[in-house]
Amino acid sequence: MTFYLLANHLLNLVLPAAAIALLLVLATQLMGGVFRSKRPLAQTWYVQVAIVFVASVVVLVAGLVFFGHDGKMLTYAAMVAGAALCQWVVLGAWRA
């Protein structure tokens, strides 16, 4: 496998995680103070995107290891649920 193909496969693996992280954080920023506590764990939006992105990639890799190949809808559903849970924790929404 050439470097180009390896980079293409890795990019296609993590691109859904990046899209979900960015869209989720932007959506919570647009919603304003609905989900935000007075003391969130991560103040800036780019730190929140990084944290949610890493959590989503971990779920995608776990799905890849468990199922043997990527692209399963159950893995994507678990990624969305994990990203939402991670954003809820990062915002400190349980204290709101």
N, C-alpha and C. Protein backbone atom coordinates (compact mmCIF):
# COMPACT_ATOMS: atom_id res chain seq x y z
N MET A 1 0.85 -1.17 0.00
CA MET A 1 0.00 0.00 0.00
C MET A 1 0.90 1.24 0.00
N THR A 2 0.62 2.14 -0.87
CA THR A 2 1.42 3.35 -0.96
C THR A 2 1.01 4.33 0.14
N PHE A 3 1.86 5.32 0.34
CA PHE A 3 1.55 6.34 1.35
C PHE A 3 0.27 7.09 1.01
N TYR A 4 0.05 7.35 -0.26
CA TYR A 4 -1.16 8.05 -0.69
C TYR A 4 -2.41 7.26 -0.33
N LEU A 5 -2.41 5.97 -0.59
CA LEU A 5 -3.58 5.14 -0.26
C LEU A 5 -3.79 5.03 1.24
N LEU A 6 -2.70 4.90 1.99
CA LEU A 6 -2.82 4.84 3.45
C LEU A 6 -3.38 6.14 4.00
N ALA A 7 -2.88 7.27 3.52
CA ALA A 7 -3.39 8.56 3.96
C ALA A 7 -4.85 8.73 3.58
N ASN A 8 -5.23 8.26 2.41
CA ASN A 8 -6.62 8.35 1.97
C ASN A 8 -7.53 7.51 2.86
N HIS A 9 -7.11 6.31 3.22
CA HIS A 9 -7.92 5.45 4.08
C HIS A 9 -8.06 6.06 5.49
N LEU A 10 -6.97 6.56 6.02
CA LEU A 10 -7.03 7.17 7.36
C LEU A 10 -7.90 8.43 7.36
N LEU A 11 -7.79 9.24 6.30
CA LEU A 11 -8.63 10.42 6.20
C LEU A 11 -10.10 10.06 6.12
N ASN A 12 -10.42 9.04 5.33
CA ASN A 12 -11.81 8.61 5.21
C ASN A 12 -12.33 7.99 6.50
N LEU A 13 -11.44 7.46 7.34
CA LEU A 13 -11.86 6.91 8.62
C LEU A 13 -12.22 8.02 9.60
N VAL A 14 -11.40 9.07 9.66
CA VAL A 14 -11.59 10.10 10.68
C VAL A 14 -12.42 11.29 10.22
N LEU A 15 -12.73 11.40 8.93
CA LEU A 15 -13.51 12.53 8.45
C LEU A 15 -14.91 12.61 9.06
N PRO A 16 -15.65 11.50 9.23
CA PRO A 16 -16.94 11.62 9.92
C PRO A 16 -16.82 12.12 11.35
N ALA A 17 -15.77 11.73 12.04
CA ALA A 17 -15.57 12.20 13.41
C ALA A 17 -15.31 13.70 13.44
N ALA A 18 -14.53 14.18 12.48
CA ALA A 18 -14.26 15.62 12.42
C ALA A 18 -15.52 16.40 12.10
N ALA A 19 -16.32 15.90 11.18
CA ALA A 19 -17.56 16.60 10.81
C ALA A 19 -18.54 16.63 11.98
N ILE A 20 -18.71 15.51 12.65
CA ILE A 20 -19.63 15.46 13.79
C ILE A 20 -19.14 16.37 14.91
N ALA A 21 -17.86 16.37 15.19
CA ALA A 21 -17.32 17.22 16.26
C ALA A 21 -17.56 18.69 15.96
N LEU A 22 -17.24 19.10 14.75
CA LEU A 22 -17.41 20.50 14.39
C LEU A 22 -18.88 20.91 14.39
N LEU A 23 -19.74 20.10 13.80
CA LEU A 23 -21.16 20.44 13.74
C LEU A 23 -21.81 20.44 15.12
N LEU A 24 -21.43 19.50 15.96
CA LEU A 24 -22.01 19.42 17.29
C LEU A 24 -21.62 20.62 18.14
N VAL A 25 -20.36 20.99 18.10
CA VAL A 25 -19.91 22.14 18.89
C VAL A 25 -20.52 23.43 18.36
N LEU A 26 -20.58 23.58 17.05
CA LEU A 26 -21.21 24.77 16.49
C LEU A 26 -22.69 24.85 16.84
N ALA A 27 -23.37 23.71 16.83
CA ALA A 27 -24.78 23.70 17.19
C ALA A 27 -24.99 24.09 18.65
N THR A 28 -24.13 23.61 19.54
CA THR A 28 -24.28 23.99 20.94
C THR A 28 -23.89 25.45 21.17
N GLN A 29 -22.97 25.98 20.37
CA GLN A 29 -22.64 27.39 20.48
C GLN A 29 -23.81 28.26 19.99
N LEU A 30 -24.48 27.81 18.94
CA LEU A 30 -25.61 28.57 18.42
C LEU A 30 -26.82 28.52 19.35
N MET A 31 -26.94 27.43 20.10
CA MET A 31 -28.07 27.30 21.02
C MET A 31 -27.90 28.22 22.23
N GLY A 32 -26.72 28.76 22.39
CA GLY A 32 -26.49 29.70 23.48
C GLY A 32 -26.32 29.02 24.80
N GLY A 33 -26.99 29.53 25.80
CA GLY A 33 -26.82 29.03 27.15
C GLY A 33 -27.76 27.92 27.54
N VAL A 34 -28.42 27.29 26.59
CA VAL A 34 -29.39 26.24 26.92
C VAL A 34 -28.71 25.07 27.59
N PHE A 35 -27.56 24.65 27.07
CA PHE A 35 -26.88 23.47 27.60
C PHE A 35 -25.65 23.81 28.42
N ARG A 36 -25.37 25.06 28.62
CA ARG A 36 -24.11 25.48 29.24
C ARG A 36 -24.30 25.72 30.74
N SER A 37 -23.35 25.25 31.50
CA SER A 37 -23.36 25.55 32.92
C SER A 37 -22.50 26.78 33.16
N LYS A 38 -22.44 27.22 34.39
CA LYS A 38 -21.64 28.39 34.71
C LYS A 38 -20.14 28.10 34.65
N ARG A 39 -19.77 26.83 34.83
CA ARG A 39 -18.35 26.45 34.82
C ARG A 39 -18.14 25.25 33.88
N PRO A 40 -18.10 25.48 32.56
CA PRO A 40 -17.81 24.35 31.66
C PRO A 40 -16.37 23.88 31.80
N LEU A 41 -16.13 22.63 31.46
CA LEU A 41 -14.79 22.08 31.57
C LEU A 41 -13.86 22.64 30.49
N ALA A 42 -14.39 22.95 29.33
CA ALA A 42 -13.59 23.53 28.25
C ALA A 42 -14.26 24.83 27.83
N GLN A 43 -13.54 25.93 27.92
CA GLN A 43 -14.11 27.24 27.66
C GLN A 43 -14.24 27.54 26.17
N THR A 44 -13.23 27.24 25.37
CA THR A 44 -13.22 27.66 23.98
C THR A 44 -13.78 26.58 23.07
N TRP A 45 -14.29 27.01 21.93
CA TRP A 45 -14.95 26.09 21.02
C TRP A 45 -13.96 25.13 20.37
N TYR A 46 -12.74 25.57 20.10
CA TYR A 46 -11.79 24.69 19.42
C TYR A 46 -11.27 23.60 20.36
N VAL A 47 -11.22 23.88 21.66
CA VAL A 47 -10.86 22.81 22.61
C VAL A 47 -11.99 21.79 22.69
N GLN A 48 -13.22 22.27 22.65
CA GLN A 48 -14.37 21.36 22.65
C GLN A 48 -14.37 20.48 21.40
N VAL A 49 -14.07 21.09 20.24
CA VAL A 49 -14.00 20.31 18.99
C VAL A 49 -12.92 19.24 19.09
N ALA A 50 -11.77 19.59 19.64
CA ALA A 50 -10.67 18.63 19.76
C ALA A 50 -11.05 17.47 20.68
N ILE A 51 -11.68 17.77 21.80
CA ILE A 51 -12.06 16.72 22.75
C ILE A 51 -13.11 15.79 22.14
N VAL A 52 -14.12 16.36 21.50
CA VAL A 52 -15.18 15.55 20.89
C VAL A 52 -14.62 14.76 19.71
N PHE A 53 -13.70 15.35 18.96
CA PHE A 53 -13.07 14.65 17.84
C PHE A 53 -12.29 13.43 18.32
N VAL A 54 -11.51 13.58 19.36
CA VAL A 54 -10.73 12.45 19.88
C VAL A 54 -11.65 11.35 20.40
N ALA A 55 -12.71 11.73 21.10
CA ALA A 55 -13.66 10.72 21.60
C ALA A 55 -14.35 10.00 20.44
N SER A 56 -14.68 10.72 19.38
CA SER A 56 -15.33 10.10 18.22
C SER A 56 -14.40 9.17 17.49
N VAL A 57 -13.13 9.54 17.37
CA VAL A 57 -12.16 8.66 16.71
C VAL A 57 -11.95 7.39 17.52
N VAL A 58 -11.95 7.51 18.84
CA VAL A 58 -11.82 6.32 19.69
C VAL A 58 -12.99 5.37 19.45
N VAL A 59 -14.20 5.90 19.34
CA VAL A 59 -15.36 5.05 19.08
C VAL A 59 -15.26 4.42 17.69
N LEU A 60 -14.82 5.18 16.69
CA LEU A 60 -14.68 4.62 15.35
C LEU A 60 -13.63 3.51 15.29
N VAL A 61 -12.52 3.70 15.98
CA VAL A 61 -11.48 2.66 16.01
C VAL A 61 -11.98 1.43 16.76
N ALA A 62 -12.73 1.64 17.84
CA ALA A 62 -13.31 0.50 18.57
C ALA A 62 -14.29 -0.26 17.68
N GLY A 63 -15.09 0.44 16.89
CA GLY A 63 -15.99 -0.22 15.95
C GLY A 63 -15.24 -0.97 14.87
N LEU A 64 -14.12 -0.41 14.42
CA LEU A 64 -13.29 -1.07 13.42
C LEU A 64 -12.69 -2.36 13.97
N VAL A 65 -12.24 -2.32 15.21
CA VAL A 65 -11.66 -3.51 15.83
C VAL A 65 -12.75 -4.54 16.11
N PHE A 66 -13.90 -4.11 16.59
CA PHE A 66 -14.96 -5.04 16.96
C PHE A 66 -15.58 -5.72 15.74
N PHE A 67 -15.90 -4.93 14.70
CA PHE A 67 -16.57 -5.49 13.53
C PHE A 67 -15.61 -6.01 12.46
N GLY A 68 -14.37 -5.59 12.49
CA GLY A 68 -13.41 -6.06 11.51
C GLY A 68 -13.29 -5.18 10.29
N HIS A 69 -14.22 -4.27 10.08
CA HIS A 69 -14.13 -3.29 8.99
C HIS A 69 -14.95 -2.07 9.37
N ASP A 70 -14.64 -0.98 8.72
CA ASP A 70 -15.32 0.27 9.09
C ASP A 70 -16.55 0.46 8.21
N GLY A 71 -17.33 1.47 8.55
CA GLY A 71 -18.50 1.80 7.75
C GLY A 71 -19.79 1.16 8.24
N LYS A 72 -19.80 0.54 9.39
CA LYS A 72 -21.04 -0.03 9.91
C LYS A 72 -21.90 1.08 10.51
N MET A 73 -23.18 1.02 10.27
CA MET A 73 -24.09 2.05 10.76
C MET A 73 -24.15 2.05 12.29
N LEU A 74 -23.99 0.90 12.91
CA LEU A 74 -23.99 0.84 14.37
C LEU A 74 -22.79 1.59 14.94
N THR A 75 -21.66 1.53 14.25
CA THR A 75 -20.49 2.28 14.68
C THR A 75 -20.73 3.78 14.57
N TYR A 76 -21.36 4.21 13.48
CA TYR A 76 -21.65 5.64 13.32
C TYR A 76 -22.67 6.11 14.34
N ALA A 77 -23.66 5.28 14.65
CA ALA A 77 -24.63 5.64 15.69
C ALA A 77 -23.97 5.75 17.05
N ALA A 78 -23.06 4.83 17.35
CA ALA A 78 -22.33 4.89 18.61
C ALA A 78 -21.42 6.12 18.65
N MET A 79 -20.87 6.49 17.49
CA MET A 79 -20.02 7.68 17.43
C MET A 79 -20.83 8.94 17.74
N VAL A 80 -22.01 9.04 17.18
CA VAL A 80 -22.86 10.22 17.43
C VAL A 80 -23.28 10.26 18.89
N ALA A 81 -23.67 9.12 19.44
CA ALA A 81 -24.06 9.07 20.86
C ALA A 81 -22.88 9.39 21.76
N GLY A 82 -21.72 8.87 21.44
CA GLY A 82 -20.53 9.16 22.24
C GLY A 82 -20.11 10.62 22.14
N ALA A 83 -20.24 11.21 20.95
CA ALA A 83 -19.90 12.63 20.78
C ALA A 83 -20.87 13.51 21.56
N ALA A 84 -22.15 13.18 21.53
CA ALA A 84 -23.13 13.95 22.28
C ALA A 84 -22.89 13.83 23.78
N LEU A 85 -22.58 12.64 24.25
CA LEU A 85 -22.28 12.45 25.67
C LEU A 85 -21.02 13.22 26.07
N CYS A 86 -20.02 13.17 25.22
CA CYS A 86 -18.78 13.89 25.50
C CYS A 86 -19.01 15.40 25.54
N GLN A 87 -19.79 15.93 24.62
CA GLN A 87 -20.08 17.36 24.62
C GLN A 87 -20.91 17.74 25.85
N TRP A 88 -21.80 16.88 26.27
CA TRP A 88 -22.61 17.13 27.47
C TRP A 88 -21.71 17.22 28.70
N VAL A 89 -20.72 16.33 28.77
CA VAL A 89 -19.78 16.35 29.90
C VAL A 89 -18.87 17.57 29.82
N VAL A 90 -18.37 17.88 28.63
CA VAL A 90 -17.46 19.00 28.47
C VAL A 90 -18.14 20.32 28.82
N LEU A 91 -19.40 20.47 28.47
CA LEU A 91 -20.12 21.70 28.80
C LEU A 91 -20.55 21.74 30.26
N GLY A 92 -20.48 20.63 30.96
CA GLY A 92 -20.94 20.59 32.34
C GLY A 92 -22.44 20.75 32.44
N ALA A 93 -23.15 20.19 31.48
CA ALA A 93 -24.61 20.38 31.40
C ALA A 93 -25.37 19.68 32.52
N TRP A 94 -24.75 18.70 33.18
CA TRP A 94 -25.47 18.03 34.28
C TRP A 94 -25.60 18.98 35.48
N ARG A 95 -24.80 20.04 35.50
CA ARG A 95 -24.88 20.99 36.60
C ARG A 95 -25.81 22.16 36.29
N ALA A 96 -26.34 22.22 35.09
CA ALA A 96 -27.14 23.37 34.67
C ALA A 96 -28.47 23.43 35.36
